[in-house]
Amino acid sequence: MSEVATIKFGGEVLEITNPRNVQPVSADLYTECRHYNGIACFSFAAIITEGEAKPRAETVARIRLSLAGAADLRNALDEMLKGLMPGKETAN
């Protein structure tokens, strides 16, 4: 199991590894965004078009996060998008 990187979490330094060789996926849309019993549930899909066949959305990833983890993800996305989408500010 090779170390990919480290991250600080709750005062501990954790090794980030990839023993299952998880590959990146591309998603075009999200198909699930809900919470249940303190867990945020997200699913993502890629739009598949093959020749003359009707396009379909194929699930490529299903993610489950604690609500705290989902809030951290929201904050990280917000910070990333602020620099990419100038003028997109929210009123206080």
Protein backbone atom coordinates (compact mmCIF):
# COMPACT_ATOMS: atom_id res chain seq x y z
CA MET A 1 0.00 0.00 0.00
CA SER A 2 1.80 3.12 -1.19
CA GLU A 3 1.29 6.46 0.51
CA VAL A 4 -0.36 9.02 -1.75
CA ALA A 5 -0.24 12.01 0.60
CA THR A 6 -1.06 13.08 4.15
CA ILE A 7 -3.80 15.22 5.65
CA LYS A 8 -4.28 16.65 9.12
CA PHE A 9 -7.57 15.53 10.68
CA GLY A 10 -8.57 16.23 14.29
CA GLY A 11 -4.99 16.82 15.37
CA GLU A 12 -3.77 13.60 13.74
CA VAL A 13 -1.79 13.26 10.52
CA LEU A 14 -3.41 10.60 8.36
CA GLU A 15 -1.83 8.88 5.38
CA ILE A 16 -4.00 9.07 2.28
CA THR A 17 -3.63 5.85 0.33
CA ASN A 18 -5.28 4.32 -2.72
CA PRO A 19 -5.02 0.52 -2.23
CA ARG A 20 -8.00 -0.23 -4.49
CA ASN A 21 -6.57 1.91 -7.30
CA VAL A 22 -9.70 4.09 -7.42
CA GLN A 23 -9.77 5.86 -10.77
CA PRO A 24 -11.03 9.39 -11.44
CA VAL A 25 -14.44 9.63 -13.10
CA SER A 26 -16.07 12.40 -15.08
CA ALA A 27 -19.62 13.41 -14.23
CA ASP A 28 -22.01 15.63 -16.13
CA LEU A 29 -24.74 15.92 -13.52
CA TYR A 30 -25.80 14.89 -10.06
CA THR A 31 -28.67 12.47 -9.69
CA GLU A 32 -28.99 12.34 -5.91
CA CYS A 33 -28.64 15.01 -3.27
CA ARG A 34 -30.39 14.14 -0.01
CA HIS A 35 -29.71 13.50 3.64
CA TYR A 36 -30.79 10.65 5.85
CA ASN A 37 -30.06 10.14 9.53
CA GLY A 38 -27.13 12.59 9.59
CA ILE A 39 -25.61 11.36 6.33
CA ALA A 40 -25.44 13.41 3.13
CA CYS A 41 -25.98 11.26 0.04
CA PHE A 42 -24.75 12.30 -3.41
CA SER A 43 -24.75 10.41 -6.71
CA PHE A 44 -23.22 11.57 -9.98
CA ALA A 45 -23.81 10.44 -13.55
CA ALA A 46 -22.21 10.77 -16.97
CA ILE A 47 -24.38 11.35 -20.01
CA ILE A 48 -23.77 8.54 -22.49
CA THR A 49 -24.59 8.98 -26.16
CA GLU A 50 -23.93 6.12 -28.54
CA GLY A 51 -24.80 6.55 -32.19
CA GLU A 52 -28.53 6.86 -32.78
CA ALA A 53 -29.47 5.39 -29.38
CA LYS A 54 -31.34 7.54 -26.88
CA PRO A 55 -28.89 9.30 -24.51
CA ARG A 56 -28.80 7.95 -20.96
CA ALA A 57 -27.37 9.02 -17.62
CA GLU A 58 -25.05 6.36 -16.19
CA THR A 59 -24.15 6.49 -12.50
CA VAL A 60 -20.39 6.88 -12.06
CA ALA A 61 -20.09 7.63 -8.32
CA ARG A 62 -22.11 7.43 -5.11
CA ILE A 63 -20.74 9.38 -2.14
CA ARG A 64 -21.84 9.29 1.51
CA LEU A 65 -20.57 11.98 3.92
CA SER A 66 -21.37 13.02 7.44
CA LEU A 67 -23.21 16.34 7.47
CA ALA A 68 -20.02 17.92 8.85
CA GLY A 69 -18.06 16.44 5.94
CA ALA A 70 -20.67 17.73 3.49
CA ALA A 71 -20.37 21.21 5.03
CA ASP A 72 -16.58 21.05 4.61
CA LEU A 73 -17.04 20.03 0.97
CA ARG A 74 -19.50 22.90 0.43
CA ASN A 75 -17.00 25.36 1.90
CA ALA A 76 -14.16 24.00 -0.24
CA LEU A 77 -16.30 24.22 -3.40
CA ASP A 78 -17.38 27.73 -2.48
CA GLU A 79 -13.75 28.84 -2.10
CA MET A 80 -12.74 27.20 -5.38
CA LEU A 81 -15.66 28.68 -7.33
CA LYS A 82 -15.22 32.20 -5.93
CA GLY A 83 -12.06 32.57 -7.98
CA LEU A 84 -13.55 30.99 -11.08
CA MET A 85 -16.86 32.86 -11.14
CA PRO A 86 -16.14 36.55 -10.50
CA GLY A 87 -19.17 38.64 -9.61
CA LYS A 88 -21.04 35.68 -8.18
CA GLU A 89 -21.41 36.94 -4.62
CA THR A 90 -24.14 36.37 -2.09
CA ALA A 91 -25.75 39.23 -0.15
CA ASN A 92 -25.43 39.18 3.63
